[in-house]
Protein backbone atom coordinates (compact mmCIF):
# COMPACT_ATOMS: atom_id res chain seq x y z
CA MET A 1 18.80 -25.34 -42.68
CA ASP A 2 18.01 -21.64 -42.87
CA THR A 3 14.98 -20.69 -40.76
CA PRO A 4 13.11 -17.47 -41.47
CA SER A 5 13.43 -14.90 -38.73
CA MET A 6 10.80 -12.49 -37.52
CA PRO A 7 11.09 -8.93 -38.77
CA GLY A 8 13.45 -6.89 -36.59
CA LEU A 9 11.00 -4.61 -34.80
CA ALA A 10 8.40 -7.32 -34.20
CA ARG A 11 11.14 -9.61 -32.85
CA LEU A 12 12.38 -6.93 -30.45
CA ILE A 13 8.87 -6.14 -29.17
CA ASN A 14 8.12 -9.84 -28.75
CA ARG A 15 11.40 -10.41 -26.90
CA ALA A 16 10.74 -7.50 -24.53
CA ALA A 17 7.18 -8.71 -23.85
CA ARG A 18 8.36 -12.26 -23.16
CA THR A 19 11.15 -11.05 -20.87
CA LEU A 20 8.74 -8.82 -18.94
CA ALA A 21 6.33 -11.75 -18.58
CA ARG A 22 9.09 -14.11 -17.42
CA ASP A 23 10.46 -11.63 -14.89
CA GLY A 24 6.93 -10.70 -13.80
CA ASP A 25 6.08 -14.35 -13.18
CA ALA A 26 9.25 -14.80 -11.12
CA ALA A 27 8.53 -11.69 -9.04
CA LEU A 28 4.84 -12.52 -8.47
CA ARG A 29 5.24 -16.26 -7.81
CA PRO A 30 5.94 -15.80 -4.06
CA LEU A 31 2.64 -13.90 -3.82
CA GLY A 32 0.72 -16.74 -5.48
CA LEU A 33 0.13 -14.60 -8.58
CA ARG A 34 1.06 -14.78 -12.27
CA TYR A 35 1.93 -11.99 -14.66
CA ALA A 36 -0.90 -13.00 -17.02
CA GLN A 37 -3.34 -12.24 -14.19
CA VAL A 38 -2.22 -8.62 -13.84
CA PRO A 39 -4.76 -7.13 -16.28
CA VAL A 40 -7.65 -8.86 -14.48
CA LEU A 41 -6.31 -7.94 -11.04
CA ALA A 42 -5.90 -4.31 -12.12
CA LEU A 43 -9.50 -4.10 -13.32
CA LEU A 44 -10.93 -5.72 -10.18
CA ARG A 45 -8.67 -4.03 -7.63
CA ASN A 46 -11.17 -1.45 -6.34
CA GLY A 47 -13.97 -3.89 -5.60
CA THR A 48 -15.29 -3.69 -9.15
CA ALA A 49 -17.51 -6.57 -10.28
CA LEU A 50 -17.20 -7.38 -13.98
CA THR A 51 -18.38 -10.20 -16.21
CA GLN A 52 -16.03 -12.49 -18.12
CA LYS A 53 -17.05 -10.73 -21.32
CA GLU A 54 -16.31 -7.28 -19.85
CA LEU A 55 -12.92 -8.47 -18.62
CA ALA A 56 -12.09 -9.98 -22.02
CA GLU A 57 -13.06 -6.79 -23.85
CA ALA A 58 -11.21 -4.48 -21.44
CA THR A 59 -7.98 -6.49 -21.56
CA GLY A 60 -8.01 -7.55 -25.20
CA ILE A 61 -7.77 -11.19 -24.12
CA GLU A 62 -9.82 -13.57 -26.26
CA GLN A 63 -12.91 -15.07 -24.56
CA PRO A 64 -11.60 -18.68 -24.48
CA SER A 65 -8.27 -17.56 -23.00
CA MET A 66 -10.07 -15.36 -20.47
CA ALA A 67 -12.26 -18.31 -19.47
CA GLN A 68 -9.18 -20.45 -18.83
CA LEU A 69 -7.45 -17.66 -16.92
CA LEU A 70 -10.50 -17.07 -14.71
CA THR A 71 -10.90 -20.81 -14.08
CA ARG A 72 -7.30 -20.99 -12.81
CA MET A 73 -7.76 -17.82 -10.73
CA ASP A 74 -10.95 -19.26 -9.23
CA ARG A 75 -9.21 -22.57 -8.50
CA ASP A 76 -6.38 -20.66 -6.76
CA GLY A 77 -8.86 -18.65 -4.67
CA LEU A 78 -7.96 -15.28 -6.21
CA ILE A 79 -11.45 -14.37 -7.44
CA ARG A 80 -15.09 -14.96 -6.52
CA ARG A 81 -17.90 -15.60 -8.95
CA ALA A 82 -21.50 -14.64 -8.25
CA PRO A 83 -24.70 -14.66 -10.31
CA ASN A 84 -24.97 -11.51 -12.41
CA PRO A 85 -28.01 -9.55 -11.17
CA ARG A 86 -28.37 -7.95 -14.65
CA ASP A 87 -28.14 -11.17 -16.68
CA ALA A 88 -28.89 -14.64 -15.33
CA ARG A 89 -26.79 -16.19 -18.13
CA SER A 90 -23.53 -14.77 -16.77
CA GLN A 91 -21.61 -14.29 -13.56
CA THR A 92 -19.82 -11.33 -12.05
CA ILE A 93 -16.19 -11.66 -11.05
CA THR A 94 -14.67 -9.90 -8.03
CA LEU A 95 -11.42 -10.26 -6.14
CA ALA A 96 -11.43 -12.71 -3.26
CA ASP A 97 -10.92 -11.00 0.10
CA ASP A 98 -7.47 -12.59 0.52
CA THR A 99 -6.23 -11.33 -2.85
CA ALA A 100 -6.43 -7.56 -2.33
CA PRO A 101 -3.62 -7.34 0.27
CA HIS A 102 -1.17 -8.92 -2.22
CA LEU A 103 -1.80 -6.26 -4.85
CA THR A 104 0.31 -3.58 -3.15
CA GLU A 105 3.32 -5.89 -3.04
CA ALA A 106 2.63 -7.02 -6.61
CA ARG A 107 2.58 -3.37 -7.73
CA THR A 108 5.92 -2.80 -5.96
CA GLN A 109 7.48 -5.85 -7.61
CA LEU A 110 6.26 -4.88 -11.09
CA ALA A 111 7.38 -1.26 -10.62
CA GLU A 112 10.90 -2.55 -9.86
CA ILE A 113 10.90 -4.60 -13.08
CA GLU A 114 9.74 -1.55 -15.02
CA ARG A 115 12.45 0.56 -13.36
CA ARG A 116 15.09 -1.95 -14.50
CA ALA A 117 13.61 -2.10 -18.00
CA LEU A 118 13.66 1.68 -18.38
CA ALA A 119 17.07 2.29 -16.77
CA GLY A 120 18.94 4.93 -18.73
CA PHE A 121 15.83 6.28 -20.48
CA SER A 122 15.00 9.96 -19.99
CA ALA A 123 11.49 10.99 -18.97
CA ALA A 124 10.94 12.30 -22.51
CA GLU A 125 12.08 8.99 -24.02
CA ILE A 126 9.70 7.07 -21.74
CA ARG A 127 6.79 9.31 -22.79
CA THR A 128 7.74 8.84 -26.45
CA LEU A 129 7.99 5.07 -26.02
CA GLU A 130 4.56 4.97 -24.35
CA GLN A 131 3.06 7.08 -27.15
CA LEU A 132 4.64 4.98 -29.89
CA LEU A 133 3.60 1.66 -28.34
CA THR A 134 0.07 2.96 -27.78
CA ARG A 135 -0.12 3.99 -31.42
CA LEU A 136 1.31 0.64 -32.52
CA ASN A 137 -1.33 -1.21 -30.47
CA ASP A 138 -4.07 1.07 -31.82
CA ASN A 139 -2.91 0.35 -35.38
CA LEU A 140 -2.97 -3.39 -34.74
CA GLU A 141 -6.34 -3.31 -32.96
CA PRO A 142 -8.32 -0.54 -34.68
CA GLU A 143 -11.64 -1.58 -33.10
CA ARG A 144 -10.15 -0.76 -29.69
CA ALA A 145 -8.55 2.48 -30.83
CA GLY A 146 -11.96 4.04 -31.38
CA SER A 147 -12.91 3.34 -27.76
CA GLY A 148 -10.37 5.68 -26.24
CA GLY A 149 -7.13 3.91 -27.09
CA ASN A 150 -5.41 0.95 -25.61
CA ALA A 151 -7.41 -0.42 -22.66
CA GLU A 152 -4.84 -3.04 -21.75
CA ALA A 153 -3.57 -2.95 -18.20
CA THR A 154 0.20 -2.84 -18.19
CA PRO A 155 2.78 -2.95 -15.45
CA HIS A 156 3.09 0.85 -15.80
CA SER A 157 -0.61 1.30 -15.03
CA ASP A 158 -1.77 1.53 -11.44
CA GLU A 159 -2.51 -2.15 -10.87
């Protein structure tokens, strides 16, 4: 039986994203972290308190998926929830005190994965790749492009 394949470029991007996620999970597991948590950790790293809605919007993660992610992070003791002083219907999310010390090691681990992924690329090629992927994401998510580009936290950002 002949199965349809994904278009070439989409397949390659998907494969790279899945490989980065797999390797990120393996590197972060000893720290009690998961790669999917990186965007939330990056946004909360400086003591910032954000709502679930703000986290979902900033990361591009759908609300139901963000709710599940935050529930697991809360269960694992990575975040704290508190009543939102601006809106009694929501809560603010902050990093738990024990989480912050792991972020430096997590950043080191993810930087090593990025170094491996970009081995052999020149600085100009890396800049071009970043620009092209940003444009690709902006094209796919035009509502986010108007708000200053791609807000997603990536391993290359300063988690």
